[in-house]
N, C-alpha and C. Protein backbone atom coordinates (compact mmCIF):
# COMPACT_ATOMS: atom_id res chain seq x y z
N UNK A 1 4.67 -11.04 11.77
CA UNK A 1 5.45 -10.23 11.58
C UNK A 1 5.86 -9.68 13.29
N UNK A 2 6.79 -8.79 13.56
CA UNK A 2 7.17 -8.67 14.56
C UNK A 2 6.32 -6.75 14.83
N UNK A 3 6.66 -7.17 16.12
CA UNK A 3 5.42 -5.45 16.74
C UNK A 3 6.60 -4.33 15.89
N UNK A 4 5.92 -3.70 15.27
CA UNK A 4 6.32 -2.51 14.26
C UNK A 4 7.27 -2.78 13.10
N UNK A 5 7.27 -3.58 12.67
CA UNK A 5 7.92 -3.98 11.74
C UNK A 5 7.18 -5.01 10.81
N UNK A 6 6.88 -4.48 9.62
CA UNK A 6 5.84 -4.90 8.12
C UNK A 6 6.51 -6.55 7.89
N UNK A 7 6.33 -7.64 7.26
CA UNK A 7 6.88 -8.92 6.66
C UNK A 7 7.13 -7.78 5.31
N UNK A 8 8.13 -8.45 4.71
CA UNK A 8 8.63 -8.38 3.32
C UNK A 8 7.22 -9.25 2.66
N UNK A 9 7.12 -8.57 1.02
CA UNK A 9 6.00 -9.12 0.11
C UNK A 9 7.01 -10.58 -0.48
N UNK A 10 6.48 -11.37 -1.19
CA UNK A 10 6.92 -12.66 -1.24
C UNK A 10 8.01 -11.70 -2.87
N UNK A 11 7.25 -10.85 -3.41
CA UNK A 11 8.84 -10.91 -4.42
C UNK A 11 9.86 -10.18 -4.22
N UNK A 12 9.55 -9.37 -3.13
CA UNK A 12 10.55 -9.17 -1.98
C UNK A 12 11.89 -9.44 -1.84
N UNK A 13 11.33 -10.49 -1.14
CA UNK A 13 12.07 -12.15 -0.26
C UNK A 13 12.64 -12.40 -1.66
N UNK A 14 12.03 -12.41 -2.66
CA UNK A 14 12.17 -13.35 -4.28
C UNK A 14 13.61 -12.73 -4.75
N UNK A 15 13.39 -11.16 -4.73
CA UNK A 15 14.13 -10.16 -5.21
C UNK A 15 15.62 -10.53 -4.49
N UNK A 16 15.44 -10.18 -3.06
CA UNK A 16 16.76 -10.26 -1.52
C UNK A 16 17.21 -11.41 -2.32
N UNK A 17 16.52 -12.25 -2.47
CA UNK A 17 17.34 -13.80 -2.62
C UNK A 17 17.91 -14.02 -3.68
N UNK A 18 17.42 -12.95 -4.99
CA UNK A 18 17.87 -13.50 -6.24
C UNK A 18 18.97 -12.48 -6.26
N UNK A 19 18.83 -11.25 -5.86
CA UNK A 19 20.20 -10.24 -5.33
C UNK A 19 21.56 -10.66 -4.73
N UNK A 20 21.39 -11.22 -3.45
CA UNK A 20 22.12 -11.65 -2.59
C UNK A 20 23.67 -12.24 -2.91
N UNK A 21 23.41 -12.45 -4.00
CA UNK A 21 25.22 -13.50 -3.94
C UNK A 21 25.32 -12.52 -5.35
N UNK A 22 24.76 -12.11 -5.69
CA UNK A 22 25.88 -10.90 -7.07
C UNK A 22 25.99 -10.00 -5.69
N UNK A 23 26.36 -10.13 -4.69
CA UNK A 23 26.80 -8.57 -3.43
C UNK A 23 26.19 -7.11 -3.90
N UNK A 24 24.95 -7.60 -3.98
CA UNK A 24 24.26 -6.12 -3.65
C UNK A 24 24.39 -5.98 -2.27
N UNK A 25 24.17 -4.51 -2.08
CA UNK A 25 24.17 -3.82 -1.25
C UNK A 25 22.80 -3.80 -0.52
N UNK A 26 21.65 -5.30 -0.22
CA UNK A 26 20.10 -5.32 -0.13
C UNK A 26 19.20 -4.28 0.71
N UNK A 27 20.48 -3.66 1.56
CA UNK A 27 19.47 -2.80 2.69
C UNK A 27 19.69 -1.18 1.59
N UNK A 28 20.63 -0.81 0.81
CA UNK A 28 20.24 0.26 -0.31
C UNK A 28 19.64 -0.66 -1.05
N UNK A 29 19.79 -1.30 -1.26
CA UNK A 29 18.19 -1.77 -2.67
C UNK A 29 17.09 -2.00 -2.26
N UNK A 30 16.74 -1.61 -0.26
CA UNK A 30 15.16 -2.17 -0.28
C UNK A 30 14.87 -1.03 0.00
N UNK A 31 16.19 0.36 0.21
CA UNK A 31 15.54 1.29 0.31
C UNK A 31 14.40 1.87 -0.71
N UNK A 32 15.85 2.06 -1.88
CA UNK A 32 15.01 2.58 -3.22
C UNK A 32 14.24 1.69 -3.60
N UNK A 33 14.47 -0.14 -3.52
CA UNK A 33 12.92 -0.48 -4.17
C UNK A 33 11.41 0.06 -2.57
N UNK A 34 11.60 0.38 -1.99
CA UNK A 34 10.45 0.63 -1.08
C UNK A 34 9.93 2.41 -1.37
N UNK A 35 10.99 3.10 -1.56
CA UNK A 35 10.60 4.23 -2.25
C UNK A 35 9.92 4.33 -2.97
N UNK A 36 10.05 3.43 -4.28
CA UNK A 36 9.54 3.65 -5.99
C UNK A 36 8.55 2.96 -5.65
N UNK A 37 8.31 1.94 -4.38
CA UNK A 37 7.04 0.92 -4.53
C UNK A 37 6.06 1.70 -4.03
N UNK A 38 6.15 2.88 -2.85
CA UNK A 38 5.73 2.80 -1.91
C UNK A 38 4.94 4.05 -2.39
N UNK A 39 6.54 5.15 -3.11
CA UNK A 39 5.52 6.48 -3.77
C UNK A 39 4.25 5.68 -4.41
N UNK A 40 4.61 4.39 -5.79
CA UNK A 40 3.58 3.81 -6.83
C UNK A 40 2.63 3.53 -6.46
N UNK A 41 2.52 3.18 -5.14
CA UNK A 41 1.11 2.84 -4.49
C UNK A 41 0.46 3.23 -3.83
N UNK A 42 1.11 5.12 -3.63
CA UNK A 42 0.28 6.05 -2.35
C UNK A 42 -0.05 7.10 -3.49
N UNK A 43 0.39 7.36 -4.96
CA UNK A 43 -0.21 7.73 -5.49
C UNK A 43 -1.88 6.96 -6.31
N UNK A 44 -1.21 6.14 -6.34
CA UNK A 44 -2.91 4.97 -7.19
C UNK A 44 -3.78 5.30 -5.60
N UNK A 45 -3.07 5.36 -4.91
CA UNK A 45 -3.94 5.33 -3.70
C UNK A 45 -5.36 7.15 -3.75
N UNK A 46 -4.00 7.92 -3.82
CA UNK A 46 -4.67 9.42 -3.46
C UNK A 46 -5.34 9.69 -4.99
N UNK A 47 -5.08 9.00 -5.98
CA UNK A 47 -6.14 9.55 -7.01
C UNK A 47 -6.90 8.44 -7.36
N UNK A 48 -6.87 7.11 -7.21
CA UNK A 48 -8.68 6.27 -6.82
C UNK A 48 -9.69 7.18 -5.30
N UNK A 49 -8.63 7.33 -4.64
CA UNK A 49 -9.97 7.83 -3.42
C UNK A 49 -10.07 9.22 -3.53
N UNK A 50 -8.64 10.11 -3.63
CA UNK A 50 -9.26 11.52 -3.70
C UNK A 50 -9.56 12.38 -4.80
N UNK A 51 -8.91 11.86 -6.10
CA UNK A 51 -8.76 12.04 -7.21
C UNK A 51 -9.66 12.42 -7.81
N UNK A 52 -9.76 11.28 -8.31
CA UNK A 52 -10.75 10.23 -9.67
C UNK A 52 -12.03 11.36 -9.75
N UNK A 53 -13.06 10.98 -8.46
CA UNK A 53 -13.72 11.47 -8.47
C UNK A 53 -14.17 13.03 -8.89
N UNK A 54 -12.62 13.93 -8.46
CA UNK A 54 -12.85 15.32 -9.06
C UNK A 54 -12.22 15.54 -10.59
N UNK A 55 -11.68 14.31 -11.25
CA UNK A 55 -12.26 14.00 -12.69
C UNK A 55 -10.56 15.13 -12.41
N UNK A 56 -9.68 14.16 -11.54
CA UNK A 56 -7.79 15.00 -11.68
C UNK A 56 -7.46 13.55 -11.95
N UNK A 57 -5.79 13.60 -12.03
CA UNK A 57 -5.10 12.88 -11.86
C UNK A 57 -3.75 13.04 -10.80
N UNK A 58 -2.80 12.68 -10.70
CA UNK A 58 -2.08 12.99 -10.11
C UNK A 58 -0.78 13.72 -10.40
N UNK A 59 -0.76 14.32 -11.87
CA UNK A 59 0.10 14.84 -12.02
C UNK A 59 -1.00 16.41 -12.26
N UNK A 60 -1.93 16.04 -12.84
CA UNK A 60 -2.87 17.18 -12.78
C UNK A 60 -3.70 17.89 -11.78
N UNK A 61 -3.27 17.02 -10.35
CA UNK A 61 -3.81 17.85 -9.08
C UNK A 61 -2.13 18.43 -8.71
N UNK A 62 -0.96 18.17 -9.26
CA UNK A 62 0.20 18.51 -8.49
C UNK A 62 0.40 19.86 -9.50
N UNK A 63 0.18 19.88 -10.49
CA UNK A 63 0.16 20.80 -11.49
C UNK A 63 -0.76 22.54 -10.70
N UNK A 64 -2.40 21.89 -10.77
CA UNK A 64 -3.15 23.13 -9.91
C UNK A 64 -2.06 23.46 -8.67
N UNK A 65 -1.55 22.24 -7.60
CA UNK A 65 -1.74 22.68 -6.71
C UNK A 65 -0.45 23.50 -6.72
N UNK A 66 0.91 23.78 -7.58
CA UNK A 66 2.01 24.80 -8.09
C UNK A 66 1.78 25.97 -9.07
N UNK A 67 0.26 26.02 -9.38
CA UNK A 67 -0.16 27.22 -9.81
C UNK A 67 -1.04 27.87 -8.72
N UNK A 68 -1.69 27.53 -8.13
CA UNK A 68 -2.18 27.95 -6.73
C UNK A 68 -1.45 28.10 -5.70
N UNK A 69 -0.48 27.53 -5.18
CA UNK A 69 0.75 28.09 -4.32
C UNK A 69 1.90 29.66 -5.09
N UNK A 70 2.16 29.19 -6.12
CA UNK A 70 2.56 30.10 -6.29
C UNK A 70 2.63 30.89 -7.56
N UNK A 71 0.84 31.16 -8.02
CA UNK A 71 0.50 32.04 -9.09
C UNK A 71 0.82 31.80 -10.67
N UNK A 72 0.72 31.97 -11.14
CA UNK A 72 0.75 32.03 -13.12
C UNK A 72 2.23 31.80 -13.56
N UNK A 73 2.31 30.16 -14.37
CA UNK A 73 3.89 30.35 -14.24
C UNK A 73 3.92 30.14 -15.34
N UNK A 74 5.23 30.22 -16.35
CA UNK A 74 5.83 29.70 -17.35
C UNK A 74 5.53 27.88 -17.55
N UNK A 75 5.14 28.04 -18.98
CA UNK A 75 5.29 26.37 -18.97
C UNK A 75 7.02 25.78 -18.28
N UNK A 76 8.08 26.13 -18.61
CA UNK A 76 9.47 25.70 -18.35
C UNK A 76 9.42 25.43 -17.13
N UNK A 77 8.78 26.23 -16.50
CA UNK A 77 8.92 26.99 -15.03
C UNK A 77 8.26 25.39 -14.73
N UNK A 78 7.34 25.66 -14.77
CA UNK A 78 6.10 24.59 -13.83
C UNK A 78 7.05 23.03 -14.38
N UNK A 79 7.64 22.93 -15.52
CA UNK A 79 8.54 21.41 -15.75
C UNK A 79 9.46 21.42 -15.04
N UNK A 80 9.92 22.64 -14.84
CA UNK A 80 11.05 22.48 -13.88
C UNK A 80 10.96 22.87 -12.58
N UNK A 81 10.21 22.81 -12.00
CA UNK A 81 9.78 23.10 -10.55
C UNK A 81 9.15 21.31 -10.20
N UNK A 82 8.82 20.76 -11.30
CA UNK A 82 7.93 19.38 -10.78
C UNK A 82 9.15 18.38 -10.93
N UNK A 83 9.94 18.84 -12.13
CA UNK A 83 10.69 17.85 -12.24
C UNK A 83 10.50 16.84 -13.66
N UNK A 84 9.62 17.29 -14.54
CA UNK A 84 9.37 16.75 -15.65
C UNK A 84 9.59 16.95 -16.47
N UNK A 85 8.94 17.13 -17.63
CA UNK A 85 9.47 17.58 -18.92
C UNK A 85 8.57 18.27 -19.29
N UNK A 86 8.83 19.39 -20.56
CA UNK A 86 8.81 20.12 -20.70
C UNK A 86 6.82 19.81 -21.87
N UNK A 87 6.89 19.03 -22.51
CA UNK A 87 6.08 17.97 -23.26
C UNK A 87 4.50 17.24 -21.80
N UNK A 88 5.69 16.90 -21.00
CA UNK A 88 4.86 15.59 -20.28
C UNK A 88 3.88 17.80 -19.54
N UNK A 89 3.70 18.48 -19.19
CA UNK A 89 3.36 20.02 -18.60
C UNK A 89 2.68 20.49 -19.80
N UNK A 90 3.20 20.54 -20.59
CA UNK A 90 2.39 21.04 -22.11
C UNK A 90 1.15 19.82 -22.07
N UNK A 91 1.23 18.24 -22.39
CA UNK A 91 -0.02 17.65 -21.69
C UNK A 91 -0.83 17.60 -20.94
N UNK A 92 -0.49 17.90 -20.02
CA UNK A 92 -1.15 18.13 -18.80
C UNK A 92 -1.82 18.89 -18.93
N UNK A 93 -1.24 20.29 -18.93
CA UNK A 93 -1.48 21.30 -19.72
C UNK A 93 -3.12 21.85 -20.53
N UNK A 94 -2.52 20.36 -21.47
CA UNK A 94 -3.77 20.80 -22.14
C UNK A 94 -5.64 20.27 -22.15
N UNK A 95 -4.96 18.70 -21.26
CA UNK A 95 -6.19 18.13 -20.93
C UNK A 95 -6.30 19.21 -19.54
N UNK A 96 -5.96 19.92 -18.75
CA UNK A 96 -6.33 20.83 -17.99
C UNK A 96 -7.70 21.90 -18.20
N UNK A 97 -6.93 22.99 -19.19
CA UNK A 97 -7.17 23.30 -19.97
C UNK A 97 -9.21 22.97 -20.62
N UNK A 98 -8.95 21.77 -21.59
CA UNK A 98 -9.86 21.28 -21.84
C UNK A 98 -11.06 21.21 -20.95
N UNK A 99 -10.49 20.69 -19.43
CA UNK A 99 -11.68 20.80 -18.22
C UNK A 99 -12.27 22.27 -17.78
N UNK A 100 -11.31 23.31 -18.52
CA UNK A 100 -11.75 24.17 -17.95
C UNK A 100 -11.07 24.75 -16.69
N UNK A 101 -9.87 24.39 -16.28
CA UNK A 101 -9.37 24.42 -15.06
C UNK A 101 -8.26 25.06 -14.74
N UNK A 102 -7.54 25.43 -16.12
CA UNK A 102 -6.52 26.69 -16.75
C UNK A 102 -6.62 26.94 -17.47
N UNK A 103 -5.82 28.34 -17.94
CA UNK A 103 -5.96 28.73 -18.97
C UNK A 103 -4.54 29.66 -19.53
N UNK A 104 -4.12 29.45 -20.75
CA UNK A 104 -2.70 29.77 -21.43
C UNK A 104 -2.65 31.39 -21.19
N UNK A 105 -2.18 32.23 -21.02
CA UNK A 105 -2.21 33.32 -21.43
C UNK A 105 -0.43 33.87 -22.01
N UNK A 106 -0.75 34.16 -22.88
CA UNK A 106 0.59 34.63 -23.71
C UNK A 106 1.47 35.95 -23.71
N UNK A 107 3.00 35.72 -23.47
CA UNK A 107 3.49 37.04 -22.90
C UNK A 107 3.40 38.17 -23.93
N UNK A 108 2.64 39.40 -23.77
CA UNK A 108 2.73 40.47 -24.59
C UNK A 108 3.90 41.07 -25.01
N UNK A 109 5.17 40.42 -23.80
CA UNK A 109 6.41 41.05 -25.01
C UNK A 109 7.45 39.89 -25.64
N UNK A 110 7.00 38.94 -24.91
CA UNK A 110 8.00 37.81 -25.91
C UNK A 110 6.45 36.40 -26.37
N UNK A 111 6.00 36.30 -27.70
CA UNK A 111 4.73 35.57 -27.45
C UNK A 111 5.44 34.30 -27.17
N UNK A 112 6.84 33.94 -27.59
CA UNK A 112 6.88 32.55 -27.94
C UNK A 112 6.74 31.80 -26.03
N UNK A 113 6.55 32.71 -25.15
CA UNK A 113 6.80 32.62 -23.86
C UNK A 113 4.41 32.60 -23.40
N UNK A 114 4.61 31.39 -22.64
CA UNK A 114 3.22 31.05 -21.83
C UNK A 114 2.98 31.11 -21.41
N UNK A 115 1.98 31.71 -20.22
CA UNK A 115 2.32 31.63 -18.73
C UNK A 115 0.91 30.99 -18.57
N UNK A 116 0.75 30.15 -17.61
CA UNK A 116 -0.92 28.99 -17.19
C UNK A 116 -0.67 29.79 -16.09
N UNK A 117 -2.58 29.50 -15.53
CA UNK A 117 -3.03 30.55 -14.71
C UNK A 117 -3.98 29.58 -14.42
N UNK A 118 -4.92 29.61 -12.78
CA UNK A 118 -6.22 28.55 -12.64
C UNK A 118 -6.88 29.65 -13.12
N UNK A 119 -7.93 29.03 -13.76
CA UNK A 119 -9.77 30.16 -13.35
C UNK A 119 -9.77 29.43 -12.37
N UNK A 120 -11.21 30.50 -12.35
CA UNK A 120 -12.41 30.56 -11.00
C UNK A 120 -12.17 28.62 -11.01
N UNK A 121 -13.14 28.44 -11.75
CA UNK A 121 -13.11 26.84 -11.91
C UNK A 121 -11.87 26.05 -11.08
N UNK A 122 -10.92 26.24 -11.73
CA UNK A 122 -9.38 25.70 -11.54
C UNK A 122 -9.15 25.90 -9.93
N UNK A 123 -9.47 26.91 -9.64
CA UNK A 123 -9.07 27.13 -8.11
C UNK A 123 -10.29 26.55 -7.36
N UNK A 124 -11.50 26.64 -7.42
CA UNK A 124 -12.40 26.33 -6.56
C UNK A 124 -12.14 24.38 -6.59
N UNK A 125 -11.65 23.78 -7.71
CA UNK A 125 -11.08 22.41 -7.64
C UNK A 125 -10.03 22.08 -7.30
N UNK A 126 -9.76 22.95 -7.28
CA UNK A 126 -8.27 22.73 -6.12
C UNK A 126 -8.06 22.38 -4.85
N UNK A 127 -8.90 23.59 -4.36
CA UNK A 127 -9.29 23.52 -3.20
C UNK A 127 -9.95 22.69 -2.56
N UNK A 128 -10.68 22.16 -3.84
CA UNK A 128 -11.80 21.12 -2.93
C UNK A 128 -10.65 19.93 -2.75
N UNK A 129 -9.91 19.53 -4.50
CA UNK A 129 -8.78 18.52 -4.29
C UNK A 129 -7.76 18.42 -3.59
N UNK A 130 -7.33 19.43 -2.41
CA UNK A 130 -6.42 19.23 -1.58
C UNK A 130 -7.28 19.05 -0.61
N UNK A 131 -8.14 19.42 0.19
CA UNK A 131 -8.82 18.89 1.29
C UNK A 131 -9.13 17.44 1.34
N UNK A 132 -9.53 16.72 0.04
CA UNK A 132 -9.61 15.40 -0.29
C UNK A 132 -8.61 14.10 -0.40
N UNK A 133 -7.27 15.06 -0.79
CA UNK A 133 -5.63 14.34 -1.08
C UNK A 133 -5.61 14.56 -0.13
N UNK A 134 -5.24 15.36 1.16
CA UNK A 134 -5.57 15.82 2.60
C UNK A 134 -6.00 14.74 3.45
N UNK A 135 -6.94 13.74 3.27
CA UNK A 135 -7.82 12.84 4.19
C UNK A 135 -7.58 12.07 4.17
N UNK A 136 -6.76 12.25 2.61
CA UNK A 136 -6.59 10.66 2.23
C UNK A 136 -4.87 10.35 3.07
N UNK A 137 -4.23 11.67 3.01
CA UNK A 137 -2.33 11.24 3.21
C UNK A 137 -3.01 11.64 4.65
N UNK A 138 -3.77 11.32 5.70
CA UNK A 138 -3.84 10.85 7.17
C UNK A 138 -4.00 9.76 7.50
N UNK A 139 -5.22 9.64 6.08
CA UNK A 139 -5.67 7.68 6.12
C UNK A 139 -3.88 7.17 5.86
N UNK A 140 -3.34 7.36 4.94
CA UNK A 140 -1.77 6.51 4.81
C UNK A 140 -1.01 6.53 5.65
N UNK A 141 -1.06 7.51 6.01
CA UNK A 141 -0.20 7.81 7.36
C UNK A 141 -0.54 7.87 8.89
N UNK A 142 -1.50 6.57 9.00
CA UNK A 142 -1.88 7.22 10.39
C UNK A 142 -1.44 5.30 11.03
N UNK A 143 -0.65 5.18 10.79
CA UNK A 143 -0.07 3.84 11.46
C UNK A 143 1.41 4.40 12.05
N UNK A 144 1.66 5.62 11.65
CA UNK A 144 2.90 5.93 11.73
C UNK A 144 2.53 7.92 13.56
N UNK A 145 3.10 7.69 13.68
CA UNK A 145 3.48 8.53 15.05
C UNK A 145 4.11 10.05 14.33
N UNK A 146 3.68 11.02 15.04
CA UNK A 146 4.38 11.81 14.98
C UNK A 146 5.85 12.33 14.50
N UNK A 147 6.22 11.67 15.62
CA UNK A 147 7.67 11.44 14.94
C UNK A 147 8.32 10.63 14.03
N UNK A 148 7.58 9.70 14.18
CA UNK A 148 7.74 9.03 12.43
C UNK A 148 7.35 9.70 11.49
N UNK A 149 6.22 10.44 11.49
CA UNK A 149 6.25 11.21 10.38
C UNK A 149 6.89 12.15 9.62
N UNK A 150 8.00 12.13 11.32
CA UNK A 150 8.81 13.67 10.98
C UNK A 150 10.03 12.79 10.50
N UNK A 151 10.28 12.23 11.13
CA UNK A 151 11.19 11.25 10.67
C UNK A 151 11.53 10.86 8.98
N UNK A 152 10.80 9.93 8.88
CA UNK A 152 10.60 9.72 7.58
C UNK A 152 10.96 10.77 6.54
N UNK A 153 10.15 11.35 6.98
CA UNK A 153 10.19 13.17 5.51
C UNK A 153 11.29 13.30 5.82
N UNK A 154 12.04 13.77 6.91
CA UNK A 154 13.53 14.05 6.73
C UNK A 154 14.51 13.11 6.25
N UNK A 155 14.03 11.70 6.43
CA UNK A 155 15.38 10.17 5.99
C UNK A 155 14.89 10.72 4.23
N UNK A 156 13.54 10.59 3.50
CA UNK A 156 13.20 10.97 2.10
C UNK A 156 13.96 12.21 1.65
N UNK A 157 13.65 13.37 2.51
CA UNK A 157 15.03 14.28 2.37
C UNK A 157 16.41 14.30 1.82
N UNK A 158 16.67 13.73 2.40
CA UNK A 158 17.95 13.16 2.65
C UNK A 158 18.30 12.60 1.18
N UNK A 159 17.72 11.36 0.95
CA UNK A 159 17.39 10.58 -0.22
C UNK A 159 18.03 11.53 -1.67
N UNK A 160 16.07 11.96 -1.41
CA UNK A 160 15.93 13.29 -2.74
C UNK A 160 16.65 13.89 -2.55
N UNK A 161 17.97 14.65 -1.51
CA UNK A 161 18.72 15.32 -2.09
C UNK A 161 19.93 15.21 -2.38
N UNK A 162 20.09 13.36 -1.93
CA UNK A 162 21.36 13.70 -2.87
C UNK A 162 20.98 12.34 -4.14
N UNK A 163 20.15 12.08 -4.74
CA UNK A 163 19.73 12.03 -5.80
C UNK A 163 19.84 12.90 -6.69
N UNK A 164 19.05 14.27 -6.66
CA UNK A 164 19.34 15.54 -6.93
C UNK A 164 20.92 16.18 -7.35
N UNK A 165 21.77 15.72 -6.39
CA UNK A 165 23.01 15.89 -6.84
C UNK A 165 24.19 14.63 -7.48
N UNK A 166 23.32 14.25 -7.88
CA UNK A 166 24.50 12.82 -8.67
C UNK A 166 24.48 13.26 -10.36
N UNK A 167 25.30 13.42 -10.32
CA UNK A 167 25.21 13.44 -12.42
C UNK A 167 25.12 12.45 -13.17
N UNK A 168 24.97 12.79 -14.47
CA UNK A 168 24.29 11.67 -15.17
C UNK A 168 25.60 10.66 -15.23
N UNK A 169 26.30 9.24 -15.12
CA UNK A 169 27.75 8.70 -16.02
C UNK A 169 29.34 8.53 -14.36
N UNK A 170 27.93 10.26 -13.36
CA UNK A 170 28.35 9.23 -11.94
C UNK A 170 28.83 8.02 -11.48
N UNK A 171 27.59 7.38 -11.29
CA UNK A 171 27.55 6.07 -11.04
C UNK A 171 28.17 4.89 -11.73
N UNK A 172 29.12 4.64 -10.61
CA UNK A 172 29.87 3.72 -11.10
C UNK A 172 29.28 2.13 -11.87
C-alpha cells in the first residue's frame, strides 16, 4: 500500500481486469463501485454499532431524524425527502409505530392524508440514536483530515446532483 492510498480488494481488481477490454471507463466505474460499496458498508456498520442496540434500522433512523428535524410530515413528503417509495415509508412507519416511536395523525380536512409525528418515546430514542450514530461517523472518518472530509462531501454532492438530473432513458 502506498502512503495515502488503499489497495484495491481482490474483487475490484478482478472486475477491472474483466471490464478493461470492454472499453469501460475504469475510473468512472471505480467511483460508482466504491460509492455503492462504501455506502453499503457504512450503513451496515452504523446499524450494527450504533442503531441495532436501540431497536432501529438505518431506514427507521432516517425517518425519525427527518420528522425530528422538520416536524410532522405526510407520508408522500417523507417518501420524496428520503428518495424512496411510498410503500417503503409506510412499511417503516408501521414498524416504528408498533414500537411506539411515531404515530399517524389523519388530516381533519382530507381524511386520505396522514401525517407522521414523533411520540415522546420516539424523540428520546432519536436523540440517543443521533449521538450514537455520530460517534460511529467519527470513527468511520477518523483517517480523513477535515480538508479530506469536506472535499469528499463536496465530490459526493456533485455526483448526487448529476444523478438527480439524469432522466430515465437519457443514458445511452
